[in-house]
């Protein structure tokens, strides 16, 4: 599943959904959780159901449900797990056990609604509770539906009673640097996509681009957007350039020409197996198949 950019959209706002439709995001996350007040949850579910039955679209259809413990999770799932849905975003999980529980619910609902088994994928916001921060190792054996993990600082900050989660220069304070790193490690250990959290100042395109550059440098493959204007920047930052792809092909070709060696030289520089892995990942990110 290609997920460079994932744009949150309140599920109860027709205007915002219409604006998001053509923004170029790889996925829209129709939100039933924080952006929808309690009195409009039922309306938002009905809006999602109507949109799922609408014409074809050029983005992945994801829905963020309300977390376990709210008493709303099952109602959300029953309303939205139907043909047209690509995935569920699970917020405020306390650990992989809750992911497995929701996966079992989806198993049943896929059968009930005629969706092919395993089609609906799961994406986890993995750092929003203190308990979640203690169980990352368990994601190594996560369910097959899990395709991506992201992290969030605001709910964790509130749960910890932190006065702020940012340094004066805008950098994350240490606890949230840990959360970000743990998410990145856990996603890669589980073999799923690591997605960086949102960049809150949607007017600061330069800051967003620099933050994306750092995220990609560190190993994230996409990120959450909170405004349509952020999507183009995120897509550009997480898409390998033509030069990047050309270099990746050279690395792969060099190793293919010398299958019995662990290092190769290109333009006076030495490349080893981790460089080969990175080259294959770059080409895979644009759908280029690598013959083994």
C-alpha atoms as a PDB file:
ATOM      1  CA  UNK A   1       0.000   0.000   0.000  1.00  0.00           C
ATOM      2  CA  UNK A   2       1.557   3.290  -1.121  1.00  0.00           C
ATOM      3  CA  UNK A   3       1.265   5.767   1.750  1.00  0.00           C
ATOM      4  CA  UNK A   4       3.505   8.807   1.370  1.00  0.00           C
ATOM      5  CA  UNK A   5       0.791  11.282   2.407  1.00  0.00           C
ATOM      6  CA  UNK A   6      -2.260  10.636   4.562  1.00  0.00           C
ATOM      7  CA  UNK A   7      -4.610  13.585   5.060  1.00  0.00           C
ATOM      8  CA  UNK A   8      -6.942  13.764   8.053  1.00  0.00           C
ATOM      9  CA  UNK A   9     -10.434  15.017   7.178  1.00  0.00           C
ATOM     10  CA  UNK A  10     -13.358  15.370   9.620  1.00  0.00           C
ATOM     11  CA  UNK A  11     -15.938  12.838   8.475  1.00  0.00           C
ATOM     12  CA  UNK A  12     -18.810  15.198   9.254  1.00  0.00           C
ATOM     13  CA  UNK A  13     -17.624  18.009   6.937  1.00  0.00           C
ATOM     14  CA  UNK A  14     -18.761  17.696   3.312  1.00  0.00           C
ATOM     15  CA  UNK A  15     -16.879  20.891   2.457  1.00  0.00           C
ATOM     16  CA  UNK A  16     -13.540  19.632   3.754  1.00  0.00           C
ATOM     17  CA  UNK A  17     -14.010  16.212   2.159  1.00  0.00           C
ATOM     18  CA  UNK A  18     -14.710  17.837  -1.210  1.00  0.00           C
ATOM     19  CA  UNK A  19     -11.617  20.012  -0.892  1.00  0.00           C
ATOM     20  CA  UNK A  20      -9.462  17.029   0.090  1.00  0.00           C
ATOM     21  CA  UNK A  21     -10.682  14.827  -2.748  1.00  0.00           C
ATOM     22  CA  UNK A  22      -8.431  16.366  -5.396  1.00  0.00           C
ATOM     23  CA  UNK A  23      -5.422  17.318  -3.237  1.00  0.00           C
ATOM     24  CA  UNK A  24      -3.261  14.408  -4.389  1.00  0.00           C
ATOM     25  CA  UNK A  25      -2.959  12.561  -1.084  1.00  0.00           C
ATOM     26  CA  UNK A  26      -2.241   8.849  -1.281  1.00  0.00           C
ATOM     27  CA  UNK A  27      -4.899   8.323   1.381  1.00  0.00           C
ATOM     28  CA  UNK A  28      -7.635  10.287   3.092  1.00  0.00           C
ATOM     29  CA  UNK A  29      -8.329   9.457   6.715  1.00  0.00           C
ATOM     30  CA  UNK A  30     -12.003  10.162   7.350  1.00  0.00           C
ATOM     31  CA  UNK A  31     -11.971  10.957  11.051  1.00  0.00           C
ATOM     32  CA  UNK A  32     -14.647   9.756  13.478  1.00  0.00           C
ATOM     33  CA  UNK A  33     -12.550  10.534  16.547  1.00  0.00           C
ATOM     34  CA  UNK A  34     -11.144  13.822  17.833  1.00  0.00           C
ATOM     35  CA  UNK A  35     -12.360  16.153  15.082  1.00  0.00           C
ATOM     36  CA  UNK A  36     -16.005  15.067  15.494  1.00  0.00           C
ATOM     37  CA  UNK A  37     -17.921  16.194  18.584  1.00  0.00           C
ATOM     38  CA  UNK A  38     -19.989  13.533  20.413  1.00  0.00           C
ATOM     39  CA  UNK A  39     -23.292  14.854  19.128  1.00  0.00           C
ATOM     40  CA  UNK A  40     -22.226  14.383  15.498  1.00  0.00           C
ATOM     41  CA  UNK A  41     -20.664  10.907  15.689  1.00  0.00           C
ATOM     42  CA  UNK A  42     -23.736   9.197  14.188  1.00  0.00           C
ATOM     43  CA  UNK A  43     -23.927  11.804  11.421  1.00  0.00           C
ATOM     44  CA  UNK A  44     -20.240  11.278  10.657  1.00  0.00           C
ATOM     45  CA  UNK A  45     -20.686   7.503  10.416  1.00  0.00           C
ATOM     46  CA  UNK A  46     -23.555   7.970   7.968  1.00  0.00           C
ATOM     47  CA  UNK A  47     -21.411  10.347   5.911  1.00  0.00           C
ATOM     48  CA  UNK A  48     -18.662   7.739   5.661  1.00  0.00           C
ATOM     49  CA  UNK A  49     -21.148   5.074   4.614  1.00  0.00           C
ATOM     50  CA  UNK A  50     -22.477   7.315   1.849  1.00  0.00           C
ATOM     51  CA  UNK A  51     -18.998   8.140   0.601  1.00  0.00           C
ATOM     52  CA  UNK A  52     -17.970   4.482   0.575  1.00  0.00           C
ATOM     53  CA  UNK A  53     -20.816   3.801  -1.808  1.00  0.00           C
ATOM     54  CA  UNK A  54     -19.891   6.653  -4.139  1.00  0.00           C
ATOM     55  CA  UNK A  55     -17.957   6.553  -7.409  1.00  0.00           C
ATOM     56  CA  UNK A  56     -14.355   5.433  -7.728  1.00  0.00           C
ATOM     57  CA  UNK A  57     -11.579   7.561  -6.257  1.00  0.00           C
ATOM     58  CA  UNK A  58      -7.838   7.993  -6.698  1.00  0.00           C
ATOM     59  CA  UNK A  59      -6.949   7.751  -3.006  1.00  0.00           C
ATOM     60  CA  UNK A  60      -6.984   5.035  -0.383  1.00  0.00           C
ATOM     61  CA  UNK A  61     -10.065   5.229   1.833  1.00  0.00           C
ATOM     62  CA  UNK A  62      -9.109   5.039   5.517  1.00  0.00           C
ATOM     63  CA  UNK A  63     -11.219   5.739   8.598  1.00  0.00           C
ATOM     64  CA  UNK A  64      -9.967   6.667  12.059  1.00  0.00           C
ATOM     65  CA  UNK A  65     -12.296   5.059  14.542  1.00  0.00           C
ATOM     66  CA  UNK A  66     -12.851   5.935  18.178  1.00  0.00           C
ATOM     67  CA  UNK A  67     -10.516   3.993  20.487  1.00  0.00           C
ATOM     68  CA  UNK A  68     -11.380   1.003  22.597  1.00  0.00           C
ATOM     69  CA  UNK A  69     -12.656   2.194  25.954  1.00  0.00           C
ATOM     70  CA  UNK A  70     -14.922   4.874  24.518  1.00  0.00           C
ATOM     71  CA  UNK A  71     -17.832   2.498  23.915  1.00  0.00           C
ATOM     72  CA  UNK A  72     -17.956   3.686  20.305  1.00  0.00           C
ATOM     73  CA  UNK A  73     -15.496   1.364  18.576  1.00  0.00           C
ATOM     74  CA  UNK A  74     -17.887  -1.398  17.559  1.00  0.00           C
ATOM     75  CA  UNK A  75     -20.489   1.064  16.307  1.00  0.00           C
ATOM     76  CA  UNK A  76     -17.810   2.696  14.175  1.00  0.00           C
ATOM     77  CA  UNK A  77     -16.600  -0.610  12.748  1.00  0.00           C
ATOM     78  CA  UNK A  78     -20.085  -1.902  11.965  1.00  0.00           C
ATOM     79  CA  UNK A  79     -20.831   1.346  10.136  1.00  0.00           C
ATOM     80  CA  UNK A  80     -17.679   1.589   8.030  1.00  0.00           C
ATOM     81  CA  UNK A  81     -16.381  -1.934   7.340  1.00  0.00           C
ATOM     82  CA  UNK A  82     -18.056  -2.392   3.983  1.00  0.00           C
ATOM     83  CA  UNK A  83     -17.000  -2.500   0.325  1.00  0.00           C
ATOM     84  CA  UNK A  84     -14.877   0.525  -0.589  1.00  0.00           C
ATOM     85  CA  UNK A  85     -12.966   0.702   2.690  1.00  0.00           C
ATOM     86  CA  UNK A  86      -9.204   0.174   2.485  1.00  0.00           C
ATOM     87  CA  UNK A  87      -8.143   0.523   6.088  1.00  0.00           C
ATOM     88  CA  UNK A  88      -8.815   1.434   9.701  1.00  0.00           C
ATOM     89  CA  UNK A  89      -6.645   3.860  11.681  1.00  0.00           C
ATOM     90  CA  UNK A  90      -6.613   2.852  15.356  1.00  0.00           C
ATOM     91  CA  UNK A  91      -5.814   5.652  17.815  1.00  0.00           C
ATOM     92  CA  UNK A  92      -4.712   5.481  21.441  1.00  0.00           C
ATOM     93  CA  UNK A  93      -3.838   1.786  21.402  1.00  0.00           C
ATOM     94  CA  UNK A  94      -2.275   0.442  24.580  1.00  0.00           C
ATOM     95  CA  UNK A  95      -0.524  -2.418  22.819  1.00  0.00           C
ATOM     96  CA  UNK A  96      -0.685  -5.024  20.112  1.00  0.00           C
ATOM     97  CA  UNK A  97      -3.413  -6.944  21.966  1.00  0.00           C
ATOM     98  CA  UNK A  98      -5.882  -4.200  21.082  1.00  0.00           C
ATOM     99  CA  UNK A  99      -4.778  -4.322  17.450  1.00  0.00           C
ATOM    100  CA  UNK A 100      -5.451  -8.075  17.414  1.00  0.00           C
ATOM    101  CA  UNK A 101      -8.857  -7.532  18.999  1.00  0.00           C
ATOM    102  CA  UNK A 102      -9.916  -5.061  16.340  1.00  0.00           C
ATOM    103  CA  UNK A 103      -8.522  -7.355  13.658  1.00  0.00           C
ATOM    104  CA  UNK A 104     -10.832 -10.109  14.913  1.00  0.00           C
ATOM    105  CA  UNK A 105     -13.819  -7.742  14.736  1.00  0.00           C
ATOM    106  CA  UNK A 106     -12.876  -6.891  11.149  1.00  0.00           C
ATOM    107  CA  UNK A 107     -12.590 -10.619  10.312  1.00  0.00           C
ATOM    108  CA  UNK A 108     -16.258 -11.060  11.152  1.00  0.00           C
ATOM    109  CA  UNK A 109     -17.423  -7.863   9.462  1.00  0.00           C
ATOM    110  CA  UNK A 110     -15.622  -8.686   6.222  1.00  0.00           C
ATOM    111  CA  UNK A 111     -17.513 -11.969   6.032  1.00  0.00           C
ATOM    112  CA  UNK A 112     -20.802 -10.247   6.874  1.00  0.00           C
ATOM    113  CA  UNK A 113     -20.388  -7.576   4.191  1.00  0.00           C
ATOM    114  CA  UNK A 114     -18.823  -9.659   1.428  1.00  0.00           C
ATOM    115  CA  UNK A 115     -15.373  -8.076   1.536  1.00  0.00           C
ATOM    116  CA  UNK A 116     -12.504 -10.394   0.546  1.00  0.00           C
ATOM    117  CA  UNK A 117     -10.810 -11.759   3.648  1.00  0.00           C
ATOM    118  CA  UNK A 118      -7.881  -9.600   4.760  1.00  0.00           C
ATOM    119  CA  UNK A 119      -8.641  -6.672   2.441  1.00  0.00           C
ATOM    120  CA  UNK A 120      -9.177  -4.078   5.192  1.00  0.00           C
ATOM    121  CA  UNK A 121      -5.782  -3.106   6.592  1.00  0.00           C
ATOM    122  CA  UNK A 122      -4.912  -1.638   9.984  1.00  0.00           C
ATOM    123  CA  UNK A 123      -2.767   1.409  10.751  1.00  0.00           C
ATOM    124  CA  UNK A 124      -1.821   2.160  14.343  1.00  0.00           C
ATOM    125  CA  UNK A 125      -1.112   5.416  16.146  1.00  0.00           C
ATOM    126  CA  UNK A 126       1.306   3.683  18.461  1.00  0.00           C
ATOM    127  CA  UNK A 127       2.508   6.201  21.065  1.00  0.00           C
ATOM    128  CA  UNK A 128      -0.526   8.027  22.443  1.00  0.00           C
ATOM    129  CA  UNK A 129      -0.683   6.405  25.900  1.00  0.00           C
ATOM    130  CA  UNK A 130       1.994   5.666  28.518  1.00  0.00           C
ATOM    131  CA  UNK A 131       1.089   1.964  28.386  1.00  0.00           C
ATOM    132  CA  UNK A 132       1.696   1.942  24.632  1.00  0.00           C
ATOM    133  CA  UNK A 133       5.279   3.064  25.191  1.00  0.00           C
ATOM    134  CA  UNK A 134       6.056  -0.108  27.154  1.00  0.00           C
ATOM    135  CA  UNK A 135       4.972  -2.742  24.650  1.00  0.00           C
ATOM    136  CA  UNK A 136       6.666  -2.049  21.334  1.00  0.00           C
ATOM    137  CA  UNK A 137       8.483  -5.401  21.199  1.00  0.00           C
ATOM    138  CA  UNK A 138       5.143  -7.198  20.823  1.00  0.00           C
ATOM    139  CA  UNK A 139       4.592  -5.662  17.372  1.00  0.00           C
ATOM    140  CA  UNK A 140       7.177  -8.053  15.934  1.00  0.00           C
ATOM    141  CA  UNK A 141       4.420 -10.675  15.854  1.00  0.00           C
ATOM    142  CA  UNK A 142       1.576  -8.326  14.930  1.00  0.00           C
ATOM    143  CA  UNK A 143      -1.369  -9.493  12.834  1.00  0.00           C
ATOM    144  CA  UNK A 144      -1.105  -9.646   9.032  1.00  0.00           C
ATOM    145  CA  UNK A 145      -3.579  -6.785   8.642  1.00  0.00           C
ATOM    146  CA  UNK A 146      -1.134  -4.282  10.133  1.00  0.00           C
ATOM    147  CA  UNK A 147       0.456  -2.257   7.325  1.00  0.00           C
ATOM    148  CA  UNK A 148       1.700   0.932   9.002  1.00  0.00           C
ATOM    149  CA  UNK A 149       2.568   2.573  12.296  1.00  0.00           C
ATOM    150  CA  UNK A 150       2.679   6.237  13.114  1.00  0.00           C
ATOM    151  CA  UNK A 151       3.124   8.195  16.300  1.00  0.00           C
ATOM    152  CA  UNK A 152       1.565  11.167  18.021  1.00  0.00           C
ATOM    153  CA  UNK A 153       2.752  13.564  20.691  1.00  0.00           C
ATOM    154  CA  UNK A 154      -0.317  15.531  21.751  1.00  0.00           C
ATOM    155  CA  UNK A 155      -2.324  12.788  23.471  1.00  0.00           C
ATOM    156  CA  UNK A 156       0.810  11.372  25.078  1.00  0.00           C
ATOM    157  CA  UNK A 157       1.730  14.832  26.304  1.00  0.00           C
ATOM    158  CA  UNK A 158      -1.708  15.244  27.866  1.00  0.00           C
ATOM    159  CA  UNK A 159      -1.538  11.805  29.468  1.00  0.00           C
ATOM    160  CA  UNK A 160       1.851  12.584  30.996  1.00  0.00           C
ATOM    161  CA  UNK A 161       0.775  16.009  32.240  1.00  0.00           C
ATOM    162  CA  UNK A 162       3.624  17.633  30.327  1.00  0.00           C
ATOM    163  CA  UNK A 163       3.703  21.411  30.164  1.00  0.00           C
ATOM    164  CA  UNK A 164       4.968  21.217  26.587  1.00  0.00           C
ATOM    165  CA  UNK A 165       6.381  18.662  24.156  1.00  0.00           C
ATOM    166  CA  UNK A 166       8.603  21.124  22.289  1.00  0.00           C
ATOM    167  CA  UNK A 167      11.892  22.840  23.022  1.00  0.00           C
ATOM    168  CA  UNK A 168      12.077  26.640  22.513  1.00  0.00           C
ATOM    169  CA  UNK A 169      13.614  26.023  19.064  1.00  0.00           C
ATOM    170  CA  UNK A 170      10.713  23.779  18.043  1.00  0.00           C
ATOM    171  CA  UNK A 171      12.494  20.428  18.457  1.00  0.00           C
ATOM    172  CA  UNK A 172      10.726  17.618  20.307  1.00  0.00           C
ATOM    173  CA  UNK A 173      11.641  17.277  23.972  1.00  0.00           C
ATOM    174  CA  UNK A 174      13.355  14.042  24.952  1.00  0.00           C
ATOM    175  CA  UNK A 175      10.281  11.899  25.834  1.00  0.00           C
ATOM    176  CA  UNK A 176       8.802  12.559  22.388  1.00  0.00           C
ATOM    177  CA  UNK A 177      12.096  11.921  20.625  1.00  0.00           C
ATOM    178  CA  UNK A 178      11.952   8.509  22.327  1.00  0.00           C
ATOM    179  CA  UNK A 179       8.363   7.959  21.148  1.00  0.00           C
ATOM    180  CA  UNK A 180       9.296   8.843  17.573  1.00  0.00           C
ATOM    181  CA  UNK A 181      12.323   6.544  17.593  1.00  0.00           C
ATOM    182  CA  UNK A 182      10.428   3.662  19.191  1.00  0.00           C
ATOM    183  CA  UNK A 183       7.737   3.888  16.535  1.00  0.00           C
ATOM    184  CA  UNK A 184      10.359   3.834  13.790  1.00  0.00           C
ATOM    185  CA  UNK A 185      12.102   0.792  15.289  1.00  0.00           C
ATOM    186  CA  UNK A 186       8.870  -1.100  15.932  1.00  0.00           C
ATOM    187  CA  UNK A 187       7.490  -0.504  12.447  1.00  0.00           C
ATOM    188  CA  UNK A 188      10.630  -1.799  10.803  1.00  0.00           C
ATOM    189  CA  UNK A 189      10.829  -4.773  13.165  1.00  0.00           C
ATOM    190  CA  UNK A 190       7.234  -5.618  12.235  1.00  0.00           C
ATOM    191  CA  UNK A 191       7.936  -5.144   8.526  1.00  0.00           C
ATOM    192  CA  UNK A 192       5.363  -2.364   8.098  1.00  0.00           C
ATOM    193  CA  UNK A 193       5.496   1.261   6.948  1.00  0.00           C
ATOM    194  CA  UNK A 194       6.834   3.871   9.380  1.00  0.00           C
ATOM    195  CA  UNK A 195       4.927   7.148   9.043  1.00  0.00           C
ATOM    196  CA  UNK A 196       5.971  10.383  10.728  1.00  0.00           C
ATOM    197  CA  UNK A 197       3.502  12.425  12.725  1.00  0.00           C
ATOM    198  CA  UNK A 198       1.833  15.631  11.587  1.00  0.00           C
ATOM    199  CA  UNK A 199       3.513  19.014  11.220  1.00  0.00           C
ATOM    200  CA  UNK A 200       1.141  21.371  12.951  1.00  0.00           C
ATOM    201  CA  UNK A 201       1.905  24.703  11.230  1.00  0.00           C
ATOM    202  CA  UNK A 202       0.267  24.103   7.846  1.00  0.00           C
ATOM    203  CA  UNK A 203       1.353  27.556   6.578  1.00  0.00           C
ATOM    204  CA  UNK A 204       5.058  26.836   7.091  1.00  0.00           C
ATOM    205  CA  UNK A 205       5.958  24.948   3.906  1.00  0.00           C
ATOM    206  CA  UNK A 206       9.709  25.425   4.363  1.00  0.00           C
ATOM    207  CA  UNK A 207       9.562  24.043   7.870  1.00  0.00           C
ATOM    208  CA  UNK A 208       7.455  21.124   6.701  1.00  0.00           C
ATOM    209  CA  UNK A 209       9.899  20.336   3.891  1.00  0.00           C
ATOM    210  CA  UNK A 210      12.869  20.371   6.270  1.00  0.00           C
ATOM    211  CA  UNK A 211      11.019  18.196   8.783  1.00  0.00           C
ATOM    212  CA  UNK A 212      10.157  15.727   6.007  1.00  0.00           C
ATOM    213  CA  UNK A 213      13.766  15.688   4.865  1.00  0.00           C
ATOM    214  CA  UNK A 214      14.858  14.716   8.356  1.00  0.00           C
ATOM    215  CA  UNK A 215      12.098  12.106   8.621  1.00  0.00           C
ATOM    216  CA  UNK A 216      13.082  10.498   5.337  1.00  0.00           C
ATOM    217  CA  UNK A 217      16.733  10.611   6.336  1.00  0.00           C
ATOM    218  CA  UNK A 218      15.890   8.716   9.521  1.00  0.00           C
ATOM    219  CA  UNK A 219      13.826   6.038   7.770  1.00  0.00           C
ATOM    220  CA  UNK A 220      10.213   7.202   7.699  1.00  0.00           C
ATOM    221  CA  UNK A 221       8.509   6.617   4.348  1.00  0.00           C
ATOM    222  CA  UNK A 222       5.570   9.031   4.629  1.00  0.00           C
ATOM    223  CA  UNK A 223       3.711  11.298   6.994  1.00  0.00           C
ATOM    224  CA  UNK A 224       0.367  12.530   8.230  1.00  0.00           C
ATOM    225  CA  UNK A 225      -1.048  15.805   6.857  1.00  0.00           C
ATOM    226  CA  UNK A 226      -3.606  18.024   8.541  1.00  0.00           C
ATOM    227  CA  UNK A 227      -4.261  20.401   5.630  1.00  0.00           C
ATOM    228  CA  UNK A 228      -4.525  19.852   1.870  1.00  0.00           C
ATOM    229  CA  UNK A 229      -1.797  22.442   1.275  1.00  0.00           C
ATOM    230  CA  UNK A 230       0.722  20.131   2.967  1.00  0.00           C
ATOM    231  CA  UNK A 231       0.162  17.186   0.644  1.00  0.00           C
ATOM    232  CA  UNK A 232       2.237  18.280  -2.358  1.00  0.00           C
ATOM    233  CA  UNK A 233       5.248  19.025  -0.160  1.00  0.00           C
ATOM    234  CA  UNK A 234       4.984  15.688   1.638  1.00  0.00           C
ATOM    235  CA  UNK A 235       4.635  13.777  -1.640  1.00  0.00           C
ATOM    236  CA  UNK A 236       7.655  15.519  -3.122  1.00  0.00           C
ATOM    237  CA  UNK A 237       9.808  14.905  -0.064  1.00  0.00           C
ATOM    238  CA  UNK A 238       8.995  11.216   0.204  1.00  0.00           C
ATOM    239  CA  UNK A 239       9.301  10.440  -3.511  1.00  0.00           C
ATOM    240  CA  UNK A 240      12.813   9.511  -4.677  1.00  0.00           C
ATOM    241  CA  UNK A 241      14.169  11.896  -7.314  1.00  0.00           C
ATOM    242  CA  UNK A 242      15.172  10.696 -10.767  1.00  0.00           C
ATOM    243  CA  UNK A 243      18.793  11.005  -9.663  1.00  0.00           C
ATOM    244  CA  UNK A 244      18.093   8.900  -6.550  1.00  0.00           C
ATOM    245  CA  UNK A 245      16.444   6.200  -8.642  1.00  0.00           C
ATOM    246  CA  UNK A 246      19.221   6.194 -11.213  1.00  0.00           C
ATOM    247  CA  UNK A 247      21.804   5.786  -8.469  1.00  0.00           C
ATOM    248  CA  UNK A 248      19.788   2.961  -6.881  1.00  0.00           C
ATOM    249  CA  UNK A 249      19.738   1.133 -10.219  1.00  0.00           C
ATOM    250  CA  UNK A 250      23.515   1.520 -10.515  1.00  0.00           C
ATOM    251  CA  UNK A 251      24.041   0.059  -7.054  1.00  0.00           C
ATOM    252  CA  UNK A 252      21.796  -2.916  -7.832  1.00  0.00           C
ATOM    253  CA  UNK A 253      23.437  -3.468 -11.218  1.00  0.00           C
ATOM    254  CA  UNK A 254      26.911  -3.361  -9.679  1.00  0.00           C
ATOM    255  CA  UNK A 255      26.033  -6.052  -7.154  1.00  0.00           C
ATOM    256  CA  UNK A 256      24.262  -8.118  -9.817  1.00  0.00           C
ATOM    257  CA  UNK A 257      27.401  -8.075 -11.940  1.00  0.00           C
ATOM    258  CA  UNK A 258      29.479  -9.419  -9.034  1.00  0.00           C
ATOM    259  CA  UNK A 259      27.163 -11.823  -7.176  1.00  0.00           C
ATOM    260  CA  UNK A 260      29.942 -13.357  -5.088  1.00  0.00           C
ATOM    261  CA  UNK A 261      31.125 -10.144  -3.401  1.00  0.00           C
ATOM    262  CA  UNK A 262      29.800  -8.182  -0.460  1.00  0.00           C
ATOM    263  CA  UNK A 263      31.138  -4.782  -1.491  1.00  0.00           C
ATOM    264  CA  UNK A 264      31.370  -2.967  -4.811  1.00  0.00           C
ATOM    265  CA  UNK A 265      32.974   0.264  -5.949  1.00  0.00           C
ATOM    266  CA  UNK A 266      31.087   2.996  -7.804  1.00  0.00           C
ATOM    267  CA  UNK A 267      32.772   6.274  -8.741  1.00  0.00           C
ATOM    268  CA  UNK A 268      35.495   5.784  -6.160  1.00  0.00           C
ATOM    269  CA  UNK A 269      33.123   4.972  -3.283  1.00  0.00           C
ATOM    270  CA  UNK A 270      32.546   1.608  -1.642  1.00  0.00           C
ATOM    271  CA  UNK A 271      29.033   0.214  -1.232  1.00  0.00           C
ATOM    272  CA  UNK A 272      28.057  -2.788   0.874  1.00  0.00           C
ATOM    273  CA  UNK A 273      24.930  -4.835   1.520  1.00  0.00           C
ATOM    274  CA  UNK A 274      23.033  -2.164   3.519  1.00  0.00           C
ATOM    275  CA  UNK A 275      23.406   0.135   0.507  1.00  0.00           C
ATOM    276  CA  UNK A 276      21.952  -2.610  -1.691  1.00  0.00           C
ATOM    277  CA  UNK A 277      18.989  -2.987   0.655  1.00  0.00           C
ATOM    278  CA  UNK A 278      18.397   0.770   0.587  1.00  0.00           C
ATOM    279  CA  UNK A 279      18.602   0.837  -3.217  1.00  0.00           C
ATOM    280  CA  UNK A 280      16.010  -1.912  -3.536  1.00  0.00           C
ATOM    281  CA  UNK A 281      13.744  -0.135  -1.083  1.00  0.00           C
ATOM    282  CA  UNK A 282      13.985   3.111  -3.085  1.00  0.00           C
ATOM    283  CA  UNK A 283      12.923   1.386  -6.296  1.00  0.00           C
ATOM    284  CA  UNK A 284      10.174  -0.561  -4.533  1.00  0.00           C
ATOM    285  CA  UNK A 285       8.735   2.711  -3.216  1.00  0.00           C
ATOM    286  CA  UNK A 286       7.878   3.751  -6.778  1.00  0.00           C
ATOM    287  CA  UNK A 287       6.618   0.315  -7.756  1.00  0.00           C
ATOM    288  CA  UNK A 288       9.701  -0.797  -9.650  1.00  0.00           C
ATOM    289  CA  UNK A 289      10.062  -4.563  -9.415  1.00  0.00           C
ATOM    290  CA  UNK A 290      13.526  -5.883  -8.643  1.00  0.00           C
ATOM    291  CA  UNK A 291      14.454  -9.252 -10.147  1.00  0.00           C
ATOM    292  CA  UNK A 292      16.274 -11.274  -7.508  1.00  0.00           C
END
